[in-house]
Protein backbone atom coordinates (compact mmCIF):
# COMPACT_ATOMS: atom_id res chain seq x y z
CA MET A 1 126.80 77.09 110.02
CA LEU A 2 124.28 80.10 111.28
CA ALA A 3 122.26 80.04 114.27
CA LYS A 4 118.95 78.94 113.50
CA ARG A 5 116.28 81.70 114.27
CA ILE A 6 113.74 80.98 116.41
CA ILE A 7 110.60 83.29 115.51
CA PRO A 8 107.36 84.42 117.03
CA CYS A 9 104.96 85.52 114.73
CA LEU A 10 101.95 87.77 116.21
CA ASP A 11 98.89 88.81 114.51
CA VAL A 12 97.65 91.52 115.12
CA ARG A 13 93.90 93.65 114.72
CA ASP A 14 93.04 96.70 116.02
CA GLY A 15 95.86 96.99 118.35
CA LYS A 16 95.70 93.25 120.14
CA VAL A 17 97.27 90.28 119.06
CA VAL A 18 94.71 87.75 117.73
CA LYS A 19 94.97 84.06 116.33
CA GLY A 20 93.07 81.72 114.65
CA VAL A 21 93.35 78.28 112.83
CA ASN A 22 93.47 79.05 108.54
CA PHE A 23 92.52 82.33 108.87
CA VAL A 24 89.61 81.92 110.50
CA GLY A 25 87.76 81.46 114.19
CA ILE A 26 89.90 84.74 115.26
CA ARG A 27 90.22 85.24 119.21
CA GLU A 28 92.34 88.05 121.15
CA VAL A 29 95.43 86.53 123.13
CA GLY A 30 97.06 89.42 124.11
CA ASP A 31 98.86 92.82 124.05
CA PRO A 32 101.37 92.96 121.68
CA VAL A 33 103.66 94.94 123.43
CA GLU A 34 103.94 92.73 126.37
CA CYS A 35 103.65 89.61 123.85
CA ALA A 36 107.15 90.92 122.50
CA ILE A 37 108.62 92.21 126.02
CA GLU A 38 108.00 88.79 127.07
CA TYR A 39 109.52 86.88 123.57
CA ASP A 40 112.50 89.23 124.01
CA ARG A 41 113.33 88.26 127.42
CA GLU A 42 112.80 84.65 126.34
CA GLY A 43 115.75 84.58 123.69
CA ALA A 44 113.69 85.45 120.14
CA ASP A 45 115.81 85.79 117.31
CA GLU A 46 113.19 88.23 116.17
CA ILE A 47 109.87 88.77 116.30
CA CYS A 48 107.14 89.31 113.42
CA PHE A 49 103.96 91.56 113.08
CA LEU A 50 101.40 91.33 110.79
CA ASP A 51 98.40 93.38 110.68
CA ILE A 52 95.36 91.34 110.00
CA THR A 53 93.14 94.03 109.07
CA ALA A 54 95.13 95.61 105.92
CA THR A 55 93.57 98.85 106.16
CA HIS A 56 95.12 102.34 106.29
CA GLU A 57 93.67 102.44 109.72
CA GLY A 58 95.32 99.13 110.32
CA ARG A 59 98.53 100.37 109.77
CA GLY A 60 97.68 103.46 111.56
CA THR A 61 97.51 101.38 114.38
CA MET A 62 99.86 99.06 113.53
CA ALA A 63 102.49 101.74 112.91
CA ALA A 64 101.88 102.95 116.99
CA VAL A 65 102.52 99.60 117.82
CA VAL A 66 105.74 98.89 116.18
CA ARG A 67 107.28 102.12 117.81
CA GLU A 68 105.94 101.52 121.28
CA VAL A 69 107.55 97.78 120.77
CA ALA A 70 110.72 99.58 119.83
CA LYS A 71 111.03 101.78 123.12
CA HIS A 72 111.21 97.72 124.72
CA VAL A 73 112.82 94.95 122.54
CA PHE A 74 115.97 95.15 120.90
CA VAL A 75 115.77 92.32 118.46
CA PRO A 76 114.75 92.75 114.85
CA LEU A 77 110.73 93.38 113.96
CA THR A 78 109.76 92.18 110.50
CA VAL A 79 106.00 94.20 110.08
CA GLY A 80 103.42 93.20 107.24
CA GLY A 81 100.39 93.40 106.32
CA GLY A 82 98.24 95.91 104.16
CA ILE A 83 102.00 97.04 102.77
CA ALA A 84 101.06 98.25 99.01
CA SER A 85 103.47 101.46 98.27
CA LEU A 86 106.80 102.94 98.58
CA ASP A 87 105.19 105.06 101.48
CA ASP A 88 103.64 101.84 103.37
CA PHE A 89 107.47 100.41 103.66
CA ARG A 90 109.14 103.92 104.61
CA GLU A 91 106.01 104.22 107.63
CA ILE A 92 106.58 101.02 108.78
CA LEU A 93 110.59 101.69 109.17
CA ARG A 94 110.08 104.87 110.43
CA ALA A 95 108.10 103.45 112.90
CA GLY A 96 110.56 101.04 114.13
CA ALA A 97 110.69 98.26 111.91
CA ASP A 98 113.95 96.34 110.74
CA LYS A 99 112.48 94.86 108.12
CA VAL A 100 108.86 94.68 105.65
CA SER A 101 107.55 91.61 104.53
CA VAL A 102 105.11 92.33 101.34
CA ASN A 103 102.48 89.92 100.16
CA SER A 104 99.58 90.07 97.97
CA ALA A 105 100.66 93.73 97.07
CA ALA A 106 103.39 92.41 95.39
CA VAL A 107 101.92 89.58 93.40
CA LYS A 108 99.21 92.05 92.27
CA ASP A 109 102.97 94.21 91.33
CA PRO A 110 105.96 92.75 91.46
CA ASP A 111 107.95 95.65 90.58
CA LEU A 112 107.01 97.04 94.51
CA ILE A 113 109.54 94.13 95.33
CA SER A 114 112.49 95.52 93.07
CA GLN A 115 111.71 99.50 93.83
CA ALA A 116 111.55 98.72 97.23
CA ALA A 117 114.69 97.17 97.48
CA MET A 118 116.11 99.43 95.40
CA VAL A 119 114.83 102.47 98.07
CA PHE A 120 115.53 100.28 101.45
CA GLY A 121 117.91 97.78 100.39
CA SER A 122 116.95 94.19 100.01
CA GLN A 123 117.84 93.52 103.71
CA CYS A 124 114.56 95.69 104.20
CA VAL A 125 112.41 93.54 102.14
CA VAL A 126 110.24 89.96 103.27
CA ALA A 127 108.51 88.37 100.70
CA ALA A 128 105.85 86.74 102.65
CA ILE A 129 104.77 84.57 99.83
CA ASP A 130 101.28 81.84 101.01
CA ALA A 131 100.96 78.57 99.39
CA LYS A 132 98.72 75.69 98.47
CA ARG A 133 98.70 72.34 96.68
CA ALA A 134 96.88 72.42 93.68
CA GLY A 135 95.21 69.12 92.34
CA ASP A 136 98.10 67.99 89.87
CA GLY A 137 100.77 68.32 92.98
CA THR A 138 102.25 71.76 92.13
CA PHE A 139 102.20 74.24 94.33
CA HIS A 140 100.01 77.74 93.55
CA VAL A 141 99.96 81.33 95.39
CA VAL A 142 97.46 82.03 97.42
CA VAL A 143 96.00 85.69 98.68
CA HIS A 144 93.50 87.07 100.76
CA GLY A 145 94.21 84.58 103.85
CA GLY A 146 94.56 81.26 101.01
CA ARG A 147 90.96 81.71 100.10
CA ILE A 148 91.91 83.38 96.42
CA ASP A 149 94.20 80.88 94.17
CA THR A 150 95.81 82.90 91.94
CA GLY A 151 96.94 80.30 89.71
CA LYS A 152 100.93 81.22 90.29
CA ASP A 153 103.32 78.77 90.55
CA ALA A 154 104.87 79.30 93.96
CA LEU A 155 108.36 78.09 93.15
CA ALA A 156 108.44 80.45 90.09
CA TRP A 157 107.65 83.04 92.31
CA VAL A 158 110.45 83.12 95.00
CA GLN A 159 112.65 82.40 92.45
CA GLU A 160 111.20 85.95 91.00
CA CYS A 161 111.16 87.51 94.19
CA GLU A 162 114.93 86.84 94.79
CA ALA A 163 115.84 87.86 91.48
CA ARG A 164 113.81 91.24 92.09
CA GLY A 165 115.50 91.95 95.04
CA ALA A 166 113.63 90.51 98.12
CA GLY A 167 116.25 89.71 100.77
CA GLU A 168 113.97 87.11 102.37
CA ILE A 169 111.18 84.52 101.95
CA LEU A 170 108.68 83.83 104.46
CA LEU A 171 106.92 80.96 103.68
CA THR A 172 103.64 79.84 104.97
CA SER A 173 102.24 76.54 103.92
CA MET A 174 98.43 77.19 103.65
CA ASP A 175 97.60 73.42 104.05
CA THR A 176 99.38 72.99 107.56
CA ASP A 177 98.65 76.44 108.91
CA GLY A 178 97.04 76.17 112.46
CA VAL A 179 96.62 72.66 112.48
CA ARG A 180 99.78 71.56 114.33
CA GLY A 181 100.92 68.44 112.51
CA GLY A 182 104.01 69.89 111.45
CA PHE A 183 105.65 72.12 109.15
CA ASP A 184 105.37 71.85 105.30
CA LEU A 185 108.72 69.81 104.63
CA GLU A 186 108.19 69.13 101.01
CA LEU A 187 107.07 72.85 100.17
CA THR A 188 109.89 74.33 102.21
CA GLN A 189 112.38 72.18 101.38
CA ALA A 190 111.45 72.87 97.21
CA VAL A 191 111.74 76.62 97.77
CA CYS A 192 115.16 76.26 99.76
CA GLU A 193 116.08 74.48 96.62
CA ARG A 194 115.50 77.34 94.37
CA VAL A 195 116.87 80.58 96.11
CA SER A 196 119.87 81.24 97.76
CA ILE A 197 118.34 83.70 100.28
CA PRO A 198 117.03 82.87 103.63
CA VAL A 199 113.77 80.84 104.19
CA ILE A 200 111.77 80.80 107.14
CA ALA A 201 109.07 78.10 107.44
CA SER A 202 105.97 79.40 109.49
CA GLY A 203 102.40 76.93 109.21
CA GLY A 204 101.68 73.61 111.39
CA CYS A 205 104.04 73.73 114.12
CA GLY A 206 102.48 71.44 116.67
CA LYS A 207 105.35 70.38 119.35
CA LEU A 208 109.00 70.66 119.75
CA GLU A 209 109.89 67.79 117.41
CA HIS A 210 108.62 70.01 114.19
CA PHE A 211 111.27 72.71 115.01
CA SER A 212 114.57 70.28 114.90
CA GLU A 213 112.36 68.21 111.82
CA VAL A 214 112.43 71.38 109.54
CA PHE A 215 115.87 72.19 109.92
CA GLU A 216 117.01 68.65 109.52
CA LYS A 217 115.04 68.32 106.45
CA THR A 218 115.41 71.08 104.87
CA GLY A 219 117.38 73.97 104.47
CA ALA A 220 114.81 76.47 106.23
CA ASP A 221 117.01 79.08 107.99
CA ALA A 222 114.41 80.00 110.28
CA ALA A 223 111.56 78.86 112.10
CA LEU A 224 108.03 80.81 112.48
CA ALA A 225 105.29 80.00 115.11
CA ALA A 226 102.46 81.66 116.60
CA SER A 227 100.21 79.38 118.72
CA LEU A 228 102.70 77.19 120.59
CA PHE A 229 103.88 80.31 122.10
CA HIS A 230 100.76 82.55 122.72
CA PHE A 231 99.23 79.94 124.77
CA ARG A 232 102.63 79.57 126.55
CA GLU A 233 102.75 75.47 125.29
CA LEU A 234 106.35 76.24 124.59
CA THR A 235 108.77 78.65 125.19
CA VAL A 236 111.33 79.82 123.39
CA GLY A 237 114.09 79.18 125.24
CA GLN A 238 113.14 75.39 125.56
CA VAL A 239 112.85 75.12 121.49
CA LYS A 240 115.86 76.45 121.41
CA GLU A 241 117.45 73.91 124.16
CA HIS A 242 115.54 71.35 122.20
CA LEU A 243 117.66 72.27 119.15
CA ILE A 244 120.99 72.52 120.97
CA SER A 245 120.17 68.64 122.05
CA ARG A 246 119.79 67.46 118.53
CA GLY A 247 122.98 69.48 117.41
CA ILE A 248 121.51 72.33 115.46
CA PRO A 249 122.94 75.57 116.38
CA ALA A 250 121.38 78.40 118.31
CA ARG A 251 121.90 81.36 120.23
CA ARG A 252 121.36 82.40 124.15
CA PRO A 253 118.95 85.21 125.08
CA ASP A 254 122.49 86.94 126.10
CA ALA A 255 123.45 85.99 122.21
CA GLN A 256 126.35 83.40 123.07
CA GLU A 257 126.32 80.90 120.87
CA ILE A 258 125.53 77.44 121.53
CA GLY A 259 125.36 74.42 120.19
CA GLU A 260 127.64 73.80 116.70
CA GLU A 261 130.36 76.19 115.77
CA VAL A 262 128.65 79.19 114.53
CA ASP A 263 129.38 82.32 112.27
CA PRO A 264 129.84 86.18 114.00
């Protein structure tokens, strides 16, 4: 069994790490380079940066942040926010990112995923999907921080993203994001059952048990969190020790494998 990944997420606005609840009530919480260095030291498997300004100027700021972070940390970096073209992909990858996530632009133009996968490789393309329960019990894709319901079926969309060449799904439940009541297990499992590419669970983690729960009850390959780590309520190391205690494979900061037998 492959090691489960723990991924701190840094929402960046104007070069600063910020955090809100359900994408509102935003406040600054730190310097992205310093945060990334600390998460790398703690043993994060990857680090995710999201440019929440999503403007051209914001992308320029984000590229500068990524270049600086890449000088100091050696874990994979995923960057998203405002990515709308192959040129945007190229700019962020050249800055030092390993993967680029696309969300609203891919919903608007699904060919962006196909084109990016063809040019840069599927391993560089992460389909970031924000989903919300609809009145009929299905899940809809939402954009613009959950404010606009596209009406698109989220489960059908994840399958299309995989078919178009996305190498990974970053799944955020807008019903649970920021409220710290746990990951959306129903949504996460439904997505995992429909794709064969890795799925990152995001939205709602509030305590140690939520990490083990999402791995024990869904097929998620990774779990992403922000405020728990930013505000030092938990460290990446504490999460990994908890996973190991539950028999869930994880990796030490020195990259030695712990827990169950892990594939190389």
